[in-house]
Amino acid sequence: MDSPASNDGMLDAFTRAYEEHKDAIFRHCYFHTFDRENAKDLLQETFVKTWQYLAAGNEIENMRAFLYKVATNLVINDARKKKSLSLENLQEGKFDPGEEDENAGRDWVQEQRVMAVLRKIDEPYRSAVTLRYIEGLSPAEIAAIIGESANTVSVRINRGLKQLRAHLDHA
């Protein structure tokens, strides 16, 4: 049985990981679901599953890659349940600015433009571009998350950027 000291160390490490990665994992989920509430739920589930994995006595070598892998699997499962994203789902996630945030409207419009262009990029290129340029992960880190080689990831990033440029040229 684990000692209370080792459990405290595990809890401290988990808490640190949560603080360091929660925003990035939320963005990752959000840019795949385009739904804030769903992204929050997926974020929470990502950390619950990670805690359960640790509590079962398993070790995690690269916490960041592990969290992205769990989140990606949850996003895929969620998409399978919903079958497709529709314009209605996007419109239901209505803009609700905070009373104190004067720039929220402008930020929201810009965010919608970015999402519209990202939606036009085919999978798996969209994921590769999002992980690389929005989340700031290296091709090697992305490879660890998706279970592909770094070379495959680099090719997907390049093809995704090519699609992105083509869509921006037509916008």
C-alpha atoms as a PDB file:
ATOM      1  CA  MET A   1       0.000   0.000   0.000  1.00  0.00           C
ATOM      2  CA  ASP A   2       1.226   3.474  -0.800  1.00  0.00           C
ATOM      3  CA  SER A   3       2.280   5.674   2.035  1.00  0.00           C
ATOM      4  CA  PRO A   4       0.446   8.933   2.708  1.00  0.00           C
ATOM      5  CA  ALA A   5       3.620  10.810   1.722  1.00  0.00           C
ATOM      6  CA  SER A   6       3.670   9.221  -1.757  1.00  0.00           C
ATOM      7  CA  ASN A   7      -0.047   9.962  -2.177  1.00  0.00           C
ATOM      8  CA  ASP A   8       0.631  13.595  -1.227  1.00  0.00           C
ATOM      9  CA  GLY A   9       3.415  13.720  -3.828  1.00  0.00           C
ATOM     10  CA  MET A  10       1.109  12.265  -6.458  1.00  0.00           C
ATOM     11  CA  LEU A  11      -1.608  14.784  -5.575  1.00  0.00           C
ATOM     12  CA  ASP A  12       0.886  17.670  -5.734  1.00  0.00           C
ATOM     13  CA  ALA A  13       2.153  16.518  -9.138  1.00  0.00           C
ATOM     14  CA  PHE A  14      -1.397  16.107 -10.415  1.00  0.00           C
ATOM     15  CA  THR A  15      -2.391  19.553  -9.129  1.00  0.00           C
ATOM     16  CA  ARG A  16       0.664  21.095 -10.797  1.00  0.00           C
ATOM     17  CA  ALA A  17      -0.190  19.325 -14.069  1.00  0.00           C
ATOM     18  CA  TYR A  18      -3.747  20.618 -13.867  1.00  0.00           C
ATOM     19  CA  GLU A  19      -2.611  24.208 -13.346  1.00  0.00           C
ATOM     20  CA  GLU A  20      -0.007  24.001 -16.122  1.00  0.00           C
ATOM     21  CA  HIS A  21      -2.131  22.287 -18.769  1.00  0.00           C
ATOM     22  CA  LYS A  22      -5.820  23.019 -18.108  1.00  0.00           C
ATOM     23  CA  ASP A  23      -6.035  26.000 -20.475  1.00  0.00           C
ATOM     24  CA  ALA A  24      -4.245  24.218 -23.312  1.00  0.00           C
ATOM     25  CA  ILE A  25      -6.355  21.076 -22.930  1.00  0.00           C
ATOM     26  CA  PHE A  26      -9.517  23.200 -22.874  1.00  0.00           C
ATOM     27  CA  ARG A  27      -8.464  24.926 -26.121  1.00  0.00           C
ATOM     28  CA  HIS A  28      -7.661  21.564 -27.658  1.00  0.00           C
ATOM     29  CA  CYS A  29     -11.141  20.267 -26.811  1.00  0.00           C
ATOM     30  CA  TYR A  30     -12.810  23.506 -27.844  1.00  0.00           C
ATOM     31  CA  PHE A  31     -11.167  23.661 -31.270  1.00  0.00           C
ATOM     32  CA  HIS A  32     -12.440  20.154 -31.939  1.00  0.00           C
ATOM     33  CA  THR A  33     -15.973  20.554 -30.569  1.00  0.00           C
ATOM     34  CA  PHE A  34     -16.628  24.293 -31.069  1.00  0.00           C
ATOM     35  CA  ASP A  35     -18.767  24.146 -27.919  1.00  0.00           C
ATOM     36  CA  ARG A  36     -17.513  25.755 -24.689  1.00  0.00           C
ATOM     37  CA  GLU A  37     -19.660  23.715 -22.303  1.00  0.00           C
ATOM     38  CA  ASN A  38     -18.778  20.459 -24.017  1.00  0.00           C
ATOM     39  CA  ALA A  39     -15.095  21.433 -24.012  1.00  0.00           C
ATOM     40  CA  LYS A  40     -15.309  22.120 -20.261  1.00  0.00           C
ATOM     41  CA  ASP A  41     -16.888  18.696 -19.727  1.00  0.00           C
ATOM     42  CA  LEU A  42     -14.179  17.027 -21.810  1.00  0.00           C
ATOM     43  CA  LEU A  43     -11.498  18.926 -19.890  1.00  0.00           C
ATOM     44  CA  GLN A  44     -12.937  17.720 -16.608  1.00  0.00           C
ATOM     45  CA  GLU A  45     -13.228  14.156 -17.851  1.00  0.00           C
ATOM     46  CA  THR A  46      -9.627  14.263 -19.104  1.00  0.00           C
ATOM     47  CA  PHE A  47      -8.336  15.073 -15.640  1.00  0.00           C
ATOM     48  CA  VAL A  48     -10.687  12.611 -13.914  1.00  0.00           C
ATOM     49  CA  LYS A  49      -9.439   9.782 -16.144  1.00  0.00           C
ATOM     50  CA  THR A  50      -5.842  10.873 -15.600  1.00  0.00           C
ATOM     51  CA  TRP A  51      -6.331  10.881 -11.827  1.00  0.00           C
ATOM     52  CA  GLN A  52      -7.938   7.428 -11.977  1.00  0.00           C
ATOM     53  CA  TYR A  53      -4.984   6.169 -13.999  1.00  0.00           C
ATOM     54  CA  LEU A  54      -2.520   7.542 -11.439  1.00  0.00           C
ATOM     55  CA  ALA A  55      -4.586   6.327  -8.481  1.00  0.00           C
ATOM     56  CA  ALA A  56      -4.508   2.819  -9.953  1.00  0.00           C
ATOM     57  CA  GLY A  57      -0.739   2.873  -9.440  1.00  0.00           C
ATOM     58  CA  ASN A  58       0.300   3.673 -12.995  1.00  0.00           C
ATOM     59  CA  GLU A  59       3.087   6.100 -13.804  1.00  0.00           C
ATOM     60  CA  ILE A  60       3.009   8.772 -16.480  1.00  0.00           C
ATOM     61  CA  GLU A  61       6.311   9.571 -18.148  1.00  0.00           C
ATOM     62  CA  ASN A  62       5.174  12.624 -20.119  1.00  0.00           C
ATOM     63  CA  MET A  63       2.153  14.234 -18.466  1.00  0.00           C
ATOM     64  CA  ARG A  64       1.517  16.754 -21.249  1.00  0.00           C
ATOM     65  CA  ALA A  65       1.451  14.095 -23.980  1.00  0.00           C
ATOM     66  CA  PHE A  66      -0.676  11.808 -21.795  1.00  0.00           C
ATOM     67  CA  LEU A  67      -3.257  14.546 -21.171  1.00  0.00           C
ATOM     68  CA  TYR A  68      -3.501  15.356 -24.873  1.00  0.00           C
ATOM     69  CA  LYS A  69      -3.879  11.667 -25.693  1.00  0.00           C
ATOM     70  CA  VAL A  70      -6.718  11.265 -23.176  1.00  0.00           C
ATOM     71  CA  ALA A  71      -8.397  14.475 -24.363  1.00  0.00           C
ATOM     72  CA  THR A  72      -8.068  13.449 -28.016  1.00  0.00           C
ATOM     73  CA  ASN A  73      -9.625  10.062 -27.300  1.00  0.00           C
ATOM     74  CA  LEU A  74     -12.491  11.735 -25.447  1.00  0.00           C
ATOM     75  CA  VAL A  75     -13.039  14.184 -28.327  1.00  0.00           C
ATOM     76  CA  ILE A  76     -13.145  11.286 -30.787  1.00  0.00           C
ATOM     77  CA  ASN A  77     -15.617   9.377 -28.621  1.00  0.00           C
ATOM     78  CA  ASP A  78     -17.736  12.502 -28.237  1.00  0.00           C
ATOM     79  CA  ALA A  79     -17.766  13.083 -32.003  1.00  0.00           C
ATOM     80  CA  ARG A  80     -18.804   9.491 -32.588  1.00  0.00           C
ATOM     81  CA  LYS A  81     -21.717   9.952 -30.204  1.00  0.00           C
ATOM     82  CA  LYS A  82     -22.874  13.111 -31.903  1.00  0.00           C
ATOM     83  CA  LYS A  83     -22.065  11.890 -35.433  1.00  0.00           C
ATOM     84  CA  SER A  84     -21.697  15.401 -36.824  1.00  0.00           C
ATOM     85  CA  LEU A  85     -21.272  19.004 -35.885  1.00  0.00           C
ATOM     86  CA  SER A  86     -23.996  21.241 -37.210  1.00  0.00           C
ATOM     87  CA  LEU A  87     -24.412  24.946 -37.641  1.00  0.00           C
ATOM     88  CA  GLU A  88     -27.283  24.758 -35.147  1.00  0.00           C
ATOM     89  CA  ASN A  89     -24.900  23.459 -32.471  1.00  0.00           C
ATOM     90  CA  LEU A  90     -22.580  26.401 -33.110  1.00  0.00           C
ATOM     91  CA  GLN A  91     -25.442  28.874 -32.944  1.00  0.00           C
ATOM     92  CA  GLU A  92     -26.690  27.389 -29.672  1.00  0.00           C
ATOM     93  CA  GLY A  93     -23.333  28.266 -28.070  1.00  0.00           C
ATOM     94  CA  LYS A  94     -24.426  31.888 -28.097  1.00  0.00           C
ATOM     95  CA  PHE A  95     -22.042  34.688 -27.329  1.00  0.00           C
ATOM     96  CA  ASP A  96     -22.451  35.789 -23.726  1.00  0.00           C
ATOM     97  CA  PRO A  97     -19.967  38.535 -22.891  1.00  0.00           C
ATOM     98  CA  GLY A  98     -19.083  39.300 -19.323  1.00  0.00           C
ATOM     99  CA  GLU A  99     -20.191  42.698 -18.127  1.00  0.00           C
ATOM    100  CA  GLU A 100     -16.637  43.836 -17.460  1.00  0.00           C
ATOM    101  CA  ASP A 101     -14.966  42.612 -20.668  1.00  0.00           C
ATOM    102  CA  GLU A 102     -15.207  45.338 -23.297  1.00  0.00           C
ATOM    103  CA  ASN A 103     -13.096  43.408 -25.816  1.00  0.00           C
ATOM    104  CA  ALA A 104     -15.100  40.179 -25.547  1.00  0.00           C
ATOM    105  CA  GLY A 105     -17.222  40.932 -28.621  1.00  0.00           C
ATOM    106  CA  ARG A 106     -14.221  41.613 -30.819  1.00  0.00           C
ATOM    107  CA  ASP A 107     -12.423  38.533 -29.469  1.00  0.00           C
ATOM    108  CA  TRP A 108     -15.497  36.386 -30.058  1.00  0.00           C
ATOM    109  CA  VAL A 109     -15.820  37.538 -33.684  1.00  0.00           C
ATOM    110  CA  GLN A 110     -12.139  36.873 -34.325  1.00  0.00           C
ATOM    111  CA  GLU A 111     -12.434  33.463 -32.674  1.00  0.00           C
ATOM    112  CA  GLN A 112     -15.404  32.613 -34.923  1.00  0.00           C
ATOM    113  CA  ARG A 113     -13.395  33.561 -38.028  1.00  0.00           C
ATOM    114  CA  VAL A 114     -10.487  31.350 -36.993  1.00  0.00           C
ATOM    115  CA  MET A 115     -12.824  28.440 -36.261  1.00  0.00           C
ATOM    116  CA  ALA A 116     -14.586  28.894 -39.614  1.00  0.00           C
ATOM    117  CA  VAL A 117     -11.303  28.577 -41.495  1.00  0.00           C
ATOM    118  CA  LEU A 118     -10.103  25.685 -39.322  1.00  0.00           C
ATOM    119  CA  ARG A 119     -13.369  23.829 -39.974  1.00  0.00           C
ATOM    120  CA  LYS A 120     -12.560  23.884 -43.693  1.00  0.00           C
ATOM    121  CA  ILE A 121      -9.291  22.000 -43.207  1.00  0.00           C
ATOM    122  CA  ASP A 122      -9.625  18.225 -43.563  1.00  0.00           C
ATOM    123  CA  GLU A 123      -8.832  15.893 -40.696  1.00  0.00           C
ATOM    124  CA  PRO A 124      -6.192  14.796 -39.712  1.00  0.00           C
ATOM    125  CA  TYR A 125      -4.517  17.976 -40.971  1.00  0.00           C
ATOM    126  CA  ARG A 126      -6.718  20.247 -38.820  1.00  0.00           C
ATOM    127  CA  SER A 127      -5.656  18.430 -35.661  1.00  0.00           C
ATOM    128  CA  ALA A 128      -1.987  18.595 -36.613  1.00  0.00           C
ATOM    129  CA  VAL A 129      -2.150  22.335 -37.360  1.00  0.00           C
ATOM    130  CA  THR A 130      -4.150  23.041 -34.199  1.00  0.00           C
ATOM    131  CA  LEU A 131      -1.788  21.083 -31.967  1.00  0.00           C
ATOM    132  CA  ARG A 132       1.275  22.668 -33.583  1.00  0.00           C
ATOM    133  CA  TYR A 133       0.290  26.319 -33.865  1.00  0.00           C
ATOM    134  CA  ILE A 134      -2.474  26.833 -31.317  1.00  0.00           C
ATOM    135  CA  GLU A 135      -1.211  24.487 -28.622  1.00  0.00           C
ATOM    136  CA  GLY A 136       2.481  25.000 -29.421  1.00  0.00           C
ATOM    137  CA  LEU A 137       3.405  21.319 -29.404  1.00  0.00           C
ATOM    138  CA  SER A 138       6.396  20.023 -31.331  1.00  0.00           C
ATOM    139  CA  PRO A 139       5.945  17.393 -34.052  1.00  0.00           C
ATOM    140  CA  ALA A 140       7.536  14.834 -31.711  1.00  0.00           C
ATOM    141  CA  GLU A 141       5.014  15.646 -28.961  1.00  0.00           C
ATOM    142  CA  ILE A 142       2.127  15.437 -31.421  1.00  0.00           C
ATOM    143  CA  ALA A 143       3.477  12.099 -32.658  1.00  0.00           C
ATOM    144  CA  ALA A 144       3.430  10.762 -29.095  1.00  0.00           C
ATOM    145  CA  ILE A 145      -0.163  11.924 -28.671  1.00  0.00           C
ATOM    146  CA  ILE A 146      -1.573  10.466 -31.877  1.00  0.00           C
ATOM    147  CA  GLY A 147       0.660   7.405 -32.114  1.00  0.00           C
ATOM    148  CA  GLU A 148       2.242   8.292 -35.450  1.00  0.00           C
ATOM    149  CA  SER A 149       5.802   9.117 -36.468  1.00  0.00           C
ATOM    150  CA  ALA A 150       7.121  12.682 -36.220  1.00  0.00           C
ATOM    151  CA  ASN A 151       7.643  12.591 -40.000  1.00  0.00           C
ATOM    152  CA  THR A 152       3.960  11.757 -40.575  1.00  0.00           C
ATOM    153  CA  VAL A 153       2.996  14.606 -38.256  1.00  0.00           C
ATOM    154  CA  SER A 154       5.258  17.047 -40.133  1.00  0.00           C
ATOM    155  CA  VAL A 155       3.668  16.031 -43.424  1.00  0.00           C
ATOM    156  CA  ARG A 156       0.195  16.560 -41.957  1.00  0.00           C
ATOM    157  CA  ILE A 157       1.185  19.986 -40.639  1.00  0.00           C
ATOM    158  CA  ASN A 158       2.527  21.018 -44.049  1.00  0.00           C
ATOM    159  CA  ARG A 159      -0.558  19.742 -45.878  1.00  0.00           C
ATOM    160  CA  GLY A 160      -2.803  21.442 -43.326  1.00  0.00           C
ATOM    161  CA  LEU A 161      -0.977  24.745 -43.796  1.00  0.00           C
ATOM    162  CA  LYS A 162      -1.342  24.379 -47.554  1.00  0.00           C
ATOM    163  CA  GLN A 163      -5.118  23.905 -47.142  1.00  0.00           C
ATOM    164  CA  LEU A 164      -5.257  26.816 -44.702  1.00  0.00           C
ATOM    165  CA  ARG A 165      -3.470  29.121 -47.155  1.00  0.00           C
ATOM    166  CA  ALA A 166      -5.805  28.045 -49.958  1.00  0.00           C
ATOM    167  CA  HIS A 167      -8.876  28.839 -47.837  1.00  0.00           C
ATOM    168  CA  LEU A 168      -7.448  32.188 -46.735  1.00  0.00           C
ATOM    169  CA  ASP A 169      -6.656  33.110 -50.351  1.00  0.00           C
ATOM    170  CA  HIS A 170     -10.308  32.517 -51.260  1.00  0.00           C
ATOM    171  CA  ALA A 171     -11.681  34.404 -48.254  1.00  0.00           C
END
